Protein backbone atom coordinates (compact mmCIF):
# COMPACT_ATOMS: atom_id res chain seq x y z
CA MET A 1 -177.47 73.43 79.26
CA LYS A 2 -180.72 72.25 76.82
CA LYS A 3 -179.77 70.29 73.87
CA ALA A 4 -181.63 70.29 70.40
CA ILE A 5 -183.52 67.03 69.73
CA TYR A 6 -182.98 65.74 66.29
CA LEU A 7 -185.96 64.09 64.44
CA LYS A 8 -183.84 61.24 62.96
CA GLU A 9 -182.70 59.65 66.26
CA LEU A 10 -186.02 59.26 67.83
CA ASN A 11 -188.52 56.13 67.81
CA THR A 12 -191.88 56.58 67.15
CA VAL A 13 -192.96 56.42 70.89
CA GLN A 14 -190.98 59.72 70.96
CA VAL A 15 -192.35 61.13 68.15
CA GLU A 16 -195.79 60.98 69.23
CA ALA A 17 -195.07 62.44 72.59
CA LEU A 18 -193.55 65.54 70.09
CA LEU A 19 -196.82 65.81 67.97
CA GLN A 20 -198.94 65.98 71.13
CA ARG A 21 -197.93 68.57 72.44
CA GLU A 22 -198.19 70.15 68.79
CA ALA A 23 -193.80 70.85 68.85
CA PRO A 24 -193.21 73.07 66.17
CA LEU A 25 -190.58 71.34 63.48
CA PHE A 26 -187.51 73.24 62.37
CA ILE A 27 -186.38 72.13 58.60
CA PRO A 28 -182.95 73.39 57.69
CA PHE A 29 -182.66 74.21 53.85
CA GLY A 30 -179.31 74.86 52.26
CA THR A 31 -176.99 73.62 49.14
CA LEU A 32 -173.95 72.83 48.14
CA GLU A 33 -171.59 75.46 46.48
CA PRO A 34 -168.91 77.12 46.48
CA HIS A 35 -168.10 79.85 49.13
CA GLY A 36 -164.96 81.29 48.65
CA ARG A 37 -161.48 79.81 49.55
CA HIS A 38 -162.27 80.40 53.40
CA LEU A 39 -165.57 78.50 54.09
CA PRO A 40 -166.44 75.25 53.61
CA VAL A 41 -169.01 74.37 50.23
CA GLY A 42 -171.72 73.48 52.82
CA THR A 43 -171.83 76.57 54.13
CA ASP A 44 -175.32 76.92 53.55
CA THR A 45 -176.63 73.86 55.15
CA LEU A 46 -174.23 74.68 58.13
CA CYS A 47 -175.79 77.97 58.81
CA ALA A 48 -179.25 76.69 58.38
CA GLU A 49 -178.49 73.75 60.71
CA LYS A 50 -177.41 75.68 63.52
CA VAL A 51 -180.15 78.52 63.53
CA ALA A 52 -182.37 75.82 63.53
CA GLU A 53 -180.92 73.90 66.18
CA ARG A 54 -180.79 77.07 68.65
CA LEU A 55 -184.59 78.07 67.63
CA SER A 56 -185.52 74.74 68.37
CA ILE A 57 -184.11 74.66 71.92
CA ALA A 58 -185.69 78.13 72.36
CA PHE A 59 -188.87 76.65 71.24
CA ASP A 60 -189.04 72.87 72.64
CA GLY A 61 -189.15 71.99 68.88
CA VAL A 62 -187.26 69.46 66.49
CA VAL A 63 -184.91 69.48 64.42
CA ALA A 64 -185.67 67.62 60.67
CA PRO A 65 -183.00 65.99 58.91
CA SER A 66 -181.69 68.92 56.05
CA PHE A 67 -182.17 69.55 52.75
CA GLU A 68 -178.81 69.96 51.51
CA TYR A 69 -179.42 69.50 47.14
CA GLY A 70 -180.78 73.24 46.29
CA LEU A 71 -180.84 75.40 43.40
CA THR A 72 -177.60 77.28 42.17
CA ASN A 73 -177.60 80.14 39.38
CA VAL A 74 -174.37 82.17 39.61
CA PHE A 75 -172.01 79.11 40.48
CA LEU A 76 -173.64 76.46 38.81
CA GLN A 77 -170.10 76.37 36.66
CA THR A 78 -168.60 75.70 39.66
CA SER A 79 -168.60 72.20 41.65
CA PRO A 80 -170.08 71.36 43.34
CA SER A 81 -173.44 73.02 42.77
CA SER A 82 -176.56 72.88 40.81
CA PHE A 83 -178.52 69.70 41.40
CA PHE A 84 -182.34 70.61 40.55
CA PRO A 85 -184.67 71.51 38.06
CA VAL A 86 -186.87 74.57 39.69
CA ASP A 87 -190.04 72.50 38.72
CA LEU A 88 -188.56 69.26 40.19
CA TYR A 89 -186.98 70.94 43.26
CA ARG A 90 -190.76 72.56 43.91
CA THR A 91 -192.29 69.34 43.64
CA PHE A 92 -190.20 67.76 45.93
CA VAL A 93 -189.96 70.10 48.58
CA GLU A 94 -193.57 70.58 48.39
CA HIS A 95 -193.91 66.75 48.76
CA ILE A 96 -191.92 66.75 52.11
CA VAL A 97 -193.50 69.57 53.67
CA LYS A 98 -197.25 68.28 53.47
CA ASN A 99 -196.48 64.78 54.50
CA PHE A 100 -194.75 66.25 57.41
CA TYR A 101 -198.35 68.52 57.62
CA LYS A 102 -200.11 65.25 57.17
CA GLN A 103 -198.14 63.17 59.83
CA GLY A 104 -198.99 65.70 62.43
CA PHE A 105 -196.63 68.45 62.78
CA LYS A 106 -198.61 71.55 62.42
CA LYS A 107 -196.27 74.31 62.95
CA ILE A 108 -193.36 73.87 60.59
CA ILE A 109 -190.60 76.27 60.16
CA ILE A 110 -188.23 76.03 57.32
CA ILE A 111 -184.75 78.08 57.90
CA ASN A 112 -182.88 78.31 54.58
CA GLY A 113 -179.32 79.37 54.17
CA HIS A 114 -178.99 79.84 50.43
CA GLY A 115 -180.60 82.37 48.15
CA GLY A 116 -181.02 80.50 45.28
CA ASN A 117 -183.78 78.58 47.05
CA GLN A 118 -185.75 81.85 48.31
CA GLU A 119 -187.89 82.02 44.87
CA ALA A 120 -189.21 78.10 44.71
CA LEU A 121 -189.78 78.23 48.48
CA LYS A 122 -191.89 81.18 48.66
CA TYR A 123 -193.94 79.81 45.64
CA ILE A 124 -194.33 76.41 48.02
CA LEU A 125 -195.26 78.11 50.64
CA ARG A 126 -197.89 79.84 48.76
CA ASN A 127 -199.10 77.16 47.29
CA ILE A 128 -199.35 75.04 50.35
CA THR A 129 -201.19 77.05 52.68
CA ARG A 130 -203.99 77.94 50.15
CA GLU A 131 -204.36 73.83 50.73
CA ALA A 132 -203.81 72.89 54.52
CA PRO A 133 -204.50 74.87 57.90
CA MET A 134 -200.80 74.72 58.79
CA ALA A 135 -198.44 77.32 60.34
CA LEU A 136 -195.54 77.84 57.96
CA THR A 137 -193.22 80.31 57.86
CA ILE A 138 -189.31 80.17 55.82
CA ILE A 139 -186.66 82.09 57.86
CA ASN A 140 -183.86 83.62 55.19
CA TRP A 141 -181.08 83.93 57.97
CA TRP A 142 -179.24 85.98 56.06
CA ILE A 143 -181.55 88.53 54.65
CA TYR A 144 -182.37 89.62 58.60
CA ALA A 145 -178.55 89.09 59.67
CA SER A 146 -177.83 92.07 57.85
CA LYS A 147 -178.94 94.36 59.79
CA PHE A 148 -176.91 93.51 62.67
CA VAL A 149 -173.62 93.86 61.02
CA GLU A 150 -172.96 97.74 61.36
CA GLU A 151 -173.35 97.63 64.92
CA VAL A 152 -170.76 94.98 65.21
CA TYR A 153 -168.42 95.15 62.33
CA ASN A 154 -168.59 98.42 61.33
CA THR A 155 -168.99 97.87 57.81
CA ARG A 156 -171.83 97.85 55.37
CA PRO A 157 -173.52 94.34 54.90
CA GLY A 158 -171.32 91.89 52.55
CA GLY A 159 -173.04 89.20 50.74
CA HIS A 160 -172.55 85.82 49.69
CA ALA A 161 -169.41 84.11 51.49
CA ALA A 162 -168.77 87.30 52.93
CA VAL A 163 -169.29 88.59 56.64
CA GLU A 164 -172.03 87.42 57.47
CA GLU A 165 -171.25 83.87 56.56
CA THR A 166 -168.07 83.78 57.68
CA ALA A 167 -169.34 84.85 61.09
CA ALA A 168 -172.02 81.72 61.47
CA ILE A 169 -169.11 79.85 60.42
CA MET A 170 -166.70 80.95 63.12
CA TYR A 171 -169.27 80.70 65.85
CA SER A 172 -170.62 77.40 64.74
CA ARG A 173 -167.57 75.53 63.69
CA PRO A 174 -164.32 77.32 62.87
CA ASP A 175 -162.33 74.60 62.25
CA LEU A 176 -164.03 74.98 58.67
CA VAL A 177 -163.01 78.33 58.34
CA THR A 178 -159.08 78.65 56.08
CA LYS A 179 -158.54 82.22 57.22
CA GLU A 180 -154.91 82.07 55.01
CA ASN A 181 -156.87 81.09 52.20
CA TYR A 182 -158.92 84.34 51.74
CA ILE A 183 -156.98 87.12 49.53
CA SER A 184 -159.43 90.12 49.19
CA GLU A 185 -157.87 91.14 45.40
CA GLU A 186 -158.53 87.41 44.13
CA ASP A 187 -161.77 86.59 46.22
CA ASP A 188 -164.09 89.81 45.96
CA CYS A 189 -166.28 89.74 43.30
CA VAL A 190 -169.03 93.10 43.44
CA PRO A 191 -171.90 91.69 40.89
CA THR A 192 -173.16 94.20 38.59
CA ASP A 193 -176.05 94.07 35.38
CA ALA A 194 -173.25 95.46 33.52
CA PHE A 195 -171.74 92.85 33.10
CA TRP A 196 -173.02 89.15 33.34
CA MET A 197 -170.08 86.60 34.25
CA PHE A 198 -170.34 82.67 34.37
CA PRO A 199 -168.20 81.88 36.87
CA PRO A 200 -167.79 85.09 38.23
CA THR A 201 -164.72 86.92 39.41
CA GLY A 202 -164.51 85.66 42.66
CA GLU A 203 -167.21 84.05 45.18
CA VAL A 204 -167.23 86.41 47.51
CA LEU A 205 -169.82 88.29 46.60
CA LEU A 206 -169.72 91.95 47.80
CA GLU A 207 -172.57 94.36 47.00
CA GLU A 208 -170.06 97.10 47.63
CA GLU A 209 -166.43 96.99 47.18
CA GLY A 210 -164.85 97.14 50.27
CA GLN A 211 -167.70 96.93 52.28
CA GLY A 212 -168.62 93.60 54.25
CA GLN A 213 -165.60 91.55 53.43
CA PRO A 214 -165.09 88.42 55.77
CA CYS A 215 -163.73 88.99 59.22
CA PHE A 216 -162.20 85.94 60.99
CA ASP A 217 -162.66 87.60 64.65
CA LYS A 218 -164.16 84.64 66.68
CA GLU A 219 -165.70 87.17 69.71
CA LYS A 220 -167.63 89.28 67.46
CA ALA A 221 -169.00 86.04 65.45
CA ASP A 222 -170.24 85.01 68.93
CA ILE A 223 -171.74 88.54 69.64
CA TYR A 224 -172.99 88.90 65.51
CA MET A 225 -174.58 85.51 65.46
CA GLU A 226 -176.25 85.73 68.97
CA LYS A 227 -178.14 88.98 68.61
CA VAL A 228 -178.98 87.53 64.65
CA ILE A 229 -180.48 84.41 66.73
CA LYS A 230 -182.18 86.28 69.47
CA GLY A 231 -183.93 88.73 66.91
CA ILE A 232 -185.29 85.78 64.88
CA GLU A 233 -186.48 84.45 68.18
CA ASN A 234 -188.34 87.18 69.39
CA ARG A 235 -190.16 87.50 65.65
CA LEU A 236 -190.81 83.73 65.77
CA LYS A 237 -192.87 84.30 69.92
CA LYS A 238 -194.64 87.25 68.20
CA TRP A 239 -195.77 84.80 65.50
CA PHE A 240 -196.70 81.87 67.32
CA SER A 241 -198.76 84.20 70.03
CA SER A 242 -200.54 85.80 67.12
CA PHE A 243 -202.34 82.27 66.20
CA ASN A 244 -204.37 83.14 69.73
CA ARG A 245 -206.18 86.08 67.69
CA LEU A 246 -207.72 83.78 65.24
CA ARG A 247 -211.18 82.20 66.94
CA GLY A 248 -211.70 80.24 64.51
CA GLY A 249 -208.54 78.34 64.01
CA LEU A 250 -206.04 78.45 61.04
CA ARG A 251 -207.72 77.17 57.63
CA PRO A 252 -206.70 77.22 53.52
């Protein structure tokens, strides 16, 4: 079975070989923040890393070092969380992506695992693609993954630290899941605009009460994540092949 290639493990000769064949670069983005009492605080990054790893194998790409510090809002009062002012985050990440492009990576795929990063990353994408002829995409994997929840789990999608993220960690690192720590009556929270509470009453954020709660079935987790990854892979295949219709090439 093919293994993922990690940029930080390569020498310069190997990197030059990647650049010559225009290998896509996958960058996992996450953060550190609470994910209930059953999942690790690095869940967002761990999920993004696994998705990036699998996609990099499928497309003969390479995985860049993860960006593990993000923008936390809801859990900013609960340790560990909230690492960057938005402007600093935008500037720092934009420079990282631009420099990868300047150094030869022309196809860059950001796998984002944290909702708090979304708006900043969208802003960065728009800025960069106005300036450089690179192919850049951001994949918020858990949003796409919600379409498979009902099919596999017979429940509505959940949210933060719920069925989707629990499945991803059960799939990639089941040793980090502590099932006995989860008590729905204490950990579940259904946010509402009627009450803005910091910190919230629980860290498992659900869209609907009793729907999308964490499930600890490893077999279902594997089925679910394979569907998710295959679906993302198909979308990326179409994206890559679409470059051929741009006869004049990419342009800012």
